[in-house]
């Protein structure tokens, strides 16, 4: 699993990476147990893009997120809860 984003947002994404990995890995484990099957793809990357028309879009092996909407410089507990919920959806 990797986290990607624009070079101009490198520090912001690096600050979120541990949180994103933690939520995504726990979510993946939950769904594998819940559905009784292993994740079928070889990767599960998290990609943050600028100016997207959506909050998140799932693709095989990758989820793209709108950076502006989902990553905050000084996130509140509510911001982190929202992002965790979005990753888990």
N, C-alpha and C. Protein backbone atom coordinates (compact mmCIF):
# COMPACT_ATOMS: atom_id res chain seq x y z
N UNK A 1 0.85 -1.17 0.00
CA UNK A 1 0.00 0.00 0.00
C UNK A 1 0.89 1.23 0.00
N UNK A 2 0.52 2.20 -0.82
CA UNK A 2 1.26 3.46 -0.90
C UNK A 2 0.28 4.62 -0.88
N UNK A 3 0.79 5.79 -0.51
CA UNK A 3 0.02 7.02 -0.56
C UNK A 3 0.73 7.96 -1.53
N UNK A 4 -0.02 8.50 -2.48
CA UNK A 4 0.54 9.39 -3.48
C UNK A 4 -0.21 10.72 -3.49
N UNK A 5 0.45 11.75 -3.96
CA UNK A 5 -0.18 13.06 -4.11
C UNK A 5 0.72 13.98 -4.91
N UNK A 6 0.29 15.18 -5.07
CA UNK A 6 1.06 16.18 -5.81
C UNK A 6 2.33 16.54 -5.04
N UNK A 7 3.37 16.83 -5.77
CA UNK A 7 4.65 17.22 -5.16
C UNK A 7 4.47 18.45 -4.27
N UNK A 8 3.61 19.34 -4.64
CA UNK A 8 3.38 20.57 -3.86
C UNK A 8 2.71 20.28 -2.52
N UNK A 9 2.15 19.09 -2.36
CA UNK A 9 1.47 18.71 -1.11
C UNK A 9 2.23 17.64 -0.34
N UNK A 10 3.48 17.46 -0.67
CA UNK A 10 4.27 16.36 -0.10
C UNK A 10 4.27 16.36 1.43
N UNK A 11 4.51 17.51 2.05
CA UNK A 11 4.56 17.56 3.52
C UNK A 11 3.20 17.25 4.14
N UNK A 12 2.14 17.75 3.57
CA UNK A 12 0.80 17.49 4.09
C UNK A 12 0.48 15.99 3.99
N UNK A 13 0.77 15.39 2.87
CA UNK A 13 0.48 13.98 2.67
C UNK A 13 1.36 13.12 3.58
N UNK A 14 2.62 13.49 3.75
CA UNK A 14 3.50 12.75 4.66
C UNK A 14 2.98 12.82 6.10
N UNK A 15 2.41 13.95 6.48
CA UNK A 15 1.90 14.07 7.85
C UNK A 15 0.66 13.19 8.05
N UNK A 16 -0.11 12.96 7.01
CA UNK A 16 -1.31 12.12 7.07
C UNK A 16 -1.03 10.64 6.84
N UNK A 17 0.11 10.30 6.23
CA UNK A 17 0.37 8.92 5.81
C UNK A 17 0.18 7.89 6.92
N UNK A 18 0.73 8.07 8.13
CA UNK A 18 0.51 7.05 9.17
C UNK A 18 -0.97 6.83 9.48
N UNK A 19 -1.74 7.91 9.55
CA UNK A 19 -3.17 7.81 9.81
C UNK A 19 -3.87 7.06 8.68
N UNK A 20 -3.56 7.42 7.45
CA UNK A 20 -4.18 6.79 6.28
C UNK A 20 -3.86 5.30 6.24
N UNK A 21 -2.59 4.95 6.43
CA UNK A 21 -2.19 3.53 6.42
C UNK A 21 -2.92 2.76 7.52
N UNK A 22 -2.98 3.33 8.71
CA UNK A 22 -3.62 2.67 9.84
C UNK A 22 -5.09 2.38 9.54
N UNK A 23 -5.82 3.39 9.09
CA UNK A 23 -7.24 3.22 8.80
C UNK A 23 -7.44 2.24 7.64
N UNK A 24 -6.68 2.39 6.57
CA UNK A 24 -6.86 1.53 5.40
C UNK A 24 -6.53 0.07 5.73
N UNK A 25 -5.48 -0.16 6.49
CA UNK A 25 -5.13 -1.54 6.84
C UNK A 25 -6.17 -2.17 7.76
N UNK A 26 -6.64 -1.43 8.74
CA UNK A 26 -7.68 -1.96 9.63
C UNK A 26 -8.99 -2.21 8.88
N UNK A 27 -9.32 -1.32 7.96
CA UNK A 27 -10.52 -1.48 7.16
C UNK A 27 -10.40 -2.72 6.27
N UNK A 28 -9.25 -2.90 5.65
CA UNK A 28 -9.03 -4.06 4.79
C UNK A 28 -9.17 -5.35 5.59
N UNK A 29 -8.58 -5.41 6.76
CA UNK A 29 -8.69 -6.59 7.62
C UNK A 29 -10.14 -6.85 8.00
N UNK A 30 -10.85 -5.80 8.36
CA UNK A 30 -12.27 -5.95 8.73
C UNK A 30 -13.07 -6.56 7.57
N UNK A 31 -12.90 -6.00 6.36
CA UNK A 31 -13.68 -6.49 5.23
C UNK A 31 -13.29 -7.91 4.83
N UNK A 32 -12.02 -8.25 4.95
CA UNK A 32 -11.60 -9.63 4.64
C UNK A 32 -12.26 -10.62 5.60
N UNK A 33 -12.32 -10.27 6.86
CA UNK A 33 -12.98 -11.13 7.85
C UNK A 33 -14.50 -11.15 7.61
N UNK A 34 -15.08 -9.99 7.41
CA UNK A 34 -16.53 -9.87 7.22
C UNK A 34 -17.01 -10.67 6.02
N UNK A 35 -16.29 -10.55 4.89
CA UNK A 35 -16.71 -11.24 3.66
C UNK A 35 -16.09 -12.63 3.51
N UNK A 36 -15.14 -12.96 4.38
CA UNK A 36 -14.53 -14.28 4.34
C UNK A 36 -13.68 -14.53 3.10
N UNK A 37 -13.10 -13.49 2.56
CA UNK A 37 -12.26 -13.63 1.37
C UNK A 37 -11.13 -12.60 1.41
N UNK A 38 -10.01 -12.96 0.84
CA UNK A 38 -8.86 -12.04 0.79
C UNK A 38 -9.08 -10.98 -0.29
N UNK A 39 -8.46 -9.83 -0.09
CA UNK A 39 -8.49 -8.76 -1.08
C UNK A 39 -7.90 -9.29 -2.38
N UNK A 40 -8.60 -9.17 -3.52
CA UNK A 40 -8.17 -9.86 -4.74
C UNK A 40 -7.09 -9.17 -5.57
N UNK A 41 -6.68 -7.98 -5.20
CA UNK A 41 -5.71 -7.25 -6.01
C UNK A 41 -4.36 -7.20 -5.32
N UNK A 42 -3.31 -6.94 -6.08
CA UNK A 42 -1.95 -6.96 -5.53
C UNK A 42 -1.57 -5.66 -4.82
N UNK A 43 -2.38 -4.63 -4.96
CA UNK A 43 -2.07 -3.37 -4.29
C UNK A 43 -3.36 -2.66 -3.90
N UNK A 44 -3.21 -1.68 -3.01
CA UNK A 44 -4.35 -0.87 -2.55
C UNK A 44 -3.83 0.52 -2.25
N UNK A 45 -3.54 1.29 -3.31
CA UNK A 45 -2.94 2.61 -3.16
C UNK A 45 -3.98 3.67 -2.88
N UNK A 46 -3.55 4.69 -2.14
CA UNK A 46 -4.37 5.84 -1.80
C UNK A 46 -3.76 7.04 -2.52
N UNK A 47 -4.53 7.69 -3.41
CA UNK A 47 -4.00 8.77 -4.24
C UNK A 47 -4.83 10.03 -4.01
N UNK A 48 -4.14 11.10 -3.66
CA UNK A 48 -4.80 12.39 -3.42
C UNK A 48 -4.55 13.31 -4.60
N UNK A 49 -5.64 13.80 -5.20
CA UNK A 49 -5.57 14.65 -6.38
C UNK A 49 -6.21 16.00 -6.07
N UNK A 50 -5.85 16.98 -6.86
CA UNK A 50 -6.42 18.32 -6.68
C UNK A 50 -7.57 18.53 -7.65
N UNK A 51 -8.56 19.28 -7.18
CA UNK A 51 -9.66 19.72 -8.03
C UNK A 51 -10.43 18.58 -8.68
N UNK A 52 -10.78 17.58 -7.91
CA UNK A 52 -11.58 16.49 -8.48
C UNK A 52 -13.07 16.82 -8.30
N UNK A 53 -13.89 16.11 -9.02
CA UNK A 53 -15.34 16.32 -8.97
C UNK A 53 -15.99 15.44 -7.91
N UNK A 54 -15.20 14.68 -7.19
CA UNK A 54 -15.72 13.71 -6.24
C UNK A 54 -14.89 13.74 -4.97
N UNK A 55 -15.44 13.25 -3.89
CA UNK A 55 -14.70 13.17 -2.63
C UNK A 55 -13.73 12.00 -2.64
N UNK A 56 -14.17 10.88 -3.22
CA UNK A 56 -13.33 9.70 -3.37
C UNK A 56 -13.91 8.85 -4.49
N UNK A 57 -13.03 8.11 -5.17
CA UNK A 57 -13.47 7.23 -6.25
C UNK A 57 -12.67 5.94 -6.17
N UNK A 58 -13.37 4.83 -6.01
CA UNK A 58 -12.73 3.53 -5.88
C UNK A 58 -12.43 2.95 -7.26
N UNK A 59 -11.25 2.41 -7.39
CA UNK A 59 -10.83 1.71 -8.60
C UNK A 59 -10.14 0.42 -8.15
N UNK A 60 -9.97 -0.51 -9.04
CA UNK A 60 -9.29 -1.77 -8.70
C UNK A 60 -7.85 -1.45 -8.30
N UNK A 61 -7.52 -1.68 -7.03
CA UNK A 61 -6.17 -1.48 -6.54
C UNK A 61 -5.82 -0.06 -6.15
N UNK A 62 -6.77 0.88 -6.25
CA UNK A 62 -6.46 2.27 -5.95
C UNK A 62 -7.74 3.03 -5.62
N UNK A 63 -7.62 3.95 -4.67
CA UNK A 63 -8.71 4.88 -4.38
C UNK A 63 -8.15 6.28 -4.55
N UNK A 64 -8.85 7.12 -5.28
CA UNK A 64 -8.45 8.52 -5.42
C UNK A 64 -9.35 9.38 -4.54
N UNK A 65 -8.75 10.39 -3.96
CA UNK A 65 -9.44 11.31 -3.05
C UNK A 65 -9.19 12.74 -3.47
N UNK A 66 -10.17 13.60 -3.21
CA UNK A 66 -9.97 15.03 -3.42
C UNK A 66 -9.15 15.57 -2.26
N UNK A 67 -7.97 16.07 -2.56
CA UNK A 67 -7.06 16.55 -1.51
C UNK A 67 -7.64 17.73 -0.75
N UNK A 68 -8.17 18.70 -1.46
CA UNK A 68 -8.64 19.93 -0.82
C UNK A 68 -9.75 19.65 0.20
N UNK A 69 -10.66 18.77 -0.16
CA UNK A 69 -11.79 18.47 0.71
C UNK A 69 -11.39 17.61 1.90
N UNK A 70 -10.42 16.71 1.71
CA UNK A 70 -10.15 15.67 2.70
C UNK A 70 -8.91 15.85 3.56
N UNK A 71 -7.96 16.66 3.14
CA UNK A 71 -6.73 16.86 3.93
C UNK A 71 -6.69 18.28 4.45
N UNK A 72 -6.56 18.42 5.74
CA UNK A 72 -6.54 19.74 6.39
C UNK A 72 -5.17 19.99 7.02
N UNK A 73 -4.73 21.22 7.03
CA UNK A 73 -3.43 21.57 7.63
C UNK A 73 -3.46 21.35 9.14
N UNK A 74 -4.51 21.77 9.80
CA UNK A 74 -4.69 21.56 11.25
C UNK A 74 -6.00 20.82 11.47
N UNK A 75 -6.01 19.50 11.26
CA UNK A 75 -7.28 18.77 11.33
C UNK A 75 -7.83 18.69 12.74
N UNK A 76 -9.14 18.76 12.81
CA UNK A 76 -9.83 18.56 14.09
C UNK A 76 -10.13 17.06 14.24
N UNK A 77 -10.64 16.69 15.39
CA UNK A 77 -11.06 15.29 15.59
C UNK A 77 -12.15 14.95 14.56
N UNK A 78 -13.06 15.87 14.32
CA UNK A 78 -14.12 15.64 13.34
C UNK A 78 -13.56 15.46 11.93
N UNK A 79 -12.54 16.24 11.57
CA UNK A 79 -11.90 16.09 10.25
C UNK A 79 -11.31 14.69 10.10
N UNK A 80 -10.62 14.23 11.15
CA UNK A 80 -10.01 12.90 11.10
C UNK A 80 -11.07 11.80 11.07
N UNK A 81 -12.15 11.98 11.81
CA UNK A 81 -13.25 11.01 11.79
C UNK A 81 -13.83 10.93 10.38
N UNK A 82 -14.06 12.08 9.77
CA UNK A 82 -14.62 12.12 8.41
C UNK A 82 -13.70 11.40 7.43
N UNK A 83 -12.39 11.67 7.51
CA UNK A 83 -11.45 11.04 6.59
C UNK A 83 -11.42 9.53 6.82
N UNK A 84 -11.42 9.10 8.07
CA UNK A 84 -11.44 7.66 8.37
C UNK A 84 -12.70 7.01 7.81
N UNK A 85 -13.83 7.67 7.98
CA UNK A 85 -15.08 7.14 7.45
C UNK A 85 -15.04 7.06 5.91
N UNK A 86 -14.45 8.05 5.28
CA UNK A 86 -14.35 8.07 3.83
C UNK A 86 -13.43 6.93 3.34
N UNK A 87 -12.30 6.75 4.02
CA UNK A 87 -11.38 5.67 3.64
C UNK A 87 -12.08 4.31 3.79
N UNK A 88 -12.85 4.16 4.85
CA UNK A 88 -13.50 2.88 5.16
C UNK A 88 -14.72 2.60 4.30
N UNK A 89 -15.26 3.60 3.65
CA UNK A 89 -16.52 3.38 2.94
C UNK A 89 -16.31 2.48 1.76
